[in-house]
């Protein structure tokens, strides 16, 4: 809701297969935040987005499998200006 736009995609890759019926989970790591020059109402957040699914191993246990990785910088609204 607070992201206004993507500033830059630093890197990204698909690291594993995905099939119809698979359930995808995602986690986002906030790596950095900084001011956006000339705009006191927004800031830049540097994130790493990782997607994964669970796959049943031959032993019958579930193992986590990474399926994508994306590093990006997004422009977000500041709470002080938009709350």
Protein backbone atom coordinates (compact mmCIF):
# COMPACT_ATOMS: atom_id res chain seq x y z
CA UNK A 1 0.00 0.00 0.00
CA UNK A 2 2.79 2.45 0.78
CA UNK A 3 5.01 1.74 -2.23
CA UNK A 4 4.59 4.41 -4.88
CA UNK A 5 6.93 2.89 -7.47
CA UNK A 6 9.94 0.72 -8.11
CA UNK A 7 13.09 2.78 -8.43
CA UNK A 8 15.50 0.10 -9.65
CA UNK A 9 15.79 -3.68 -9.83
CA UNK A 10 19.38 -4.40 -8.78
CA UNK A 11 19.29 -8.11 -9.52
CA UNK A 12 16.88 -10.98 -9.74
CA UNK A 13 16.74 -14.59 -10.81
CA UNK A 14 14.55 -17.65 -10.86
CA UNK A 15 16.36 -20.35 -8.94
CA UNK A 16 13.91 -23.24 -9.04
CA UNK A 17 10.88 -24.57 -10.91
CA UNK A 18 7.27 -23.76 -10.14
CA UNK A 19 4.32 -25.86 -11.27
CA UNK A 20 0.55 -25.39 -11.35
CA UNK A 21 -0.85 -26.12 -7.91
CA UNK A 22 2.33 -25.17 -6.01
CA UNK A 23 1.90 -22.77 -3.09
CA UNK A 24 4.41 -19.92 -3.08
CA UNK A 25 5.62 -18.21 0.09
CA UNK A 26 7.61 -14.98 0.16
CA UNK A 27 9.75 -13.09 2.65
CA UNK A 28 11.08 -9.55 2.37
CA UNK A 29 14.27 -8.37 4.03
CA UNK A 30 14.71 -4.62 4.52
CA UNK A 31 18.40 -3.94 3.91
CA UNK A 32 18.58 -0.16 3.90
CA UNK A 33 16.47 2.99 3.99
CA UNK A 34 17.39 6.48 2.89
CA UNK A 35 15.97 9.85 1.87
CA UNK A 36 14.85 10.54 -1.67
CA UNK A 37 16.52 13.78 -2.86
CA UNK A 38 14.14 16.71 -3.19
CA UNK A 39 11.09 14.84 -1.83
CA UNK A 40 10.61 15.09 1.95
CA UNK A 41 7.32 13.16 1.70
CA UNK A 42 8.91 9.90 0.41
CA UNK A 43 11.91 7.69 1.08
CA UNK A 44 13.78 4.82 -0.56
CA UNK A 45 13.75 1.31 0.88
CA UNK A 46 16.22 -1.30 -0.38
CA UNK A 47 14.74 -4.81 -0.12
CA UNK A 48 15.50 -8.41 -0.92
CA UNK A 49 12.45 -10.48 -1.83
CA UNK A 50 12.78 -14.27 -1.70
CA UNK A 51 10.18 -16.76 -2.83
CA UNK A 52 10.07 -20.39 -1.80
CA UNK A 53 7.88 -23.46 -1.77
CA UNK A 54 7.95 -26.75 0.08
CA UNK A 55 8.71 -30.00 -1.69
CA UNK A 56 8.39 -33.50 -0.31
CA UNK A 57 11.75 -35.30 -0.23
CA UNK A 58 12.25 -38.98 -0.97
CA UNK A 59 12.28 -39.60 2.79
CA UNK A 60 8.76 -38.15 2.99
CA UNK A 61 9.79 -34.94 4.77
CA UNK A 62 9.16 -31.45 3.46
CA UNK A 63 12.13 -29.36 2.42
CA UNK A 64 12.18 -25.67 1.61
CA UNK A 65 13.12 -24.86 -2.01
CA UNK A 66 13.96 -21.31 -3.12
CA UNK A 67 12.26 -20.42 -6.41
CA UNK A 68 13.14 -16.74 -6.92
CA UNK A 69 15.32 -13.96 -5.60
CA UNK A 70 14.84 -10.23 -6.28
CA UNK A 71 16.79 -7.21 -5.06
CA UNK A 72 15.05 -3.89 -5.60
CA UNK A 73 14.75 -0.33 -4.40
CA UNK A 74 11.26 1.07 -3.93
CA UNK A 75 9.92 4.55 -3.23
CA UNK A 76 7.59 4.59 -0.23
CA UNK A 77 5.39 7.20 1.43
CA UNK A 78 6.55 8.60 4.75
CA UNK A 79 4.13 8.08 7.60
CA UNK A 80 4.70 11.66 8.79
CA UNK A 81 3.26 13.06 5.55
CA UNK A 82 0.53 10.54 4.66
CA UNK A 83 -0.85 9.24 7.97
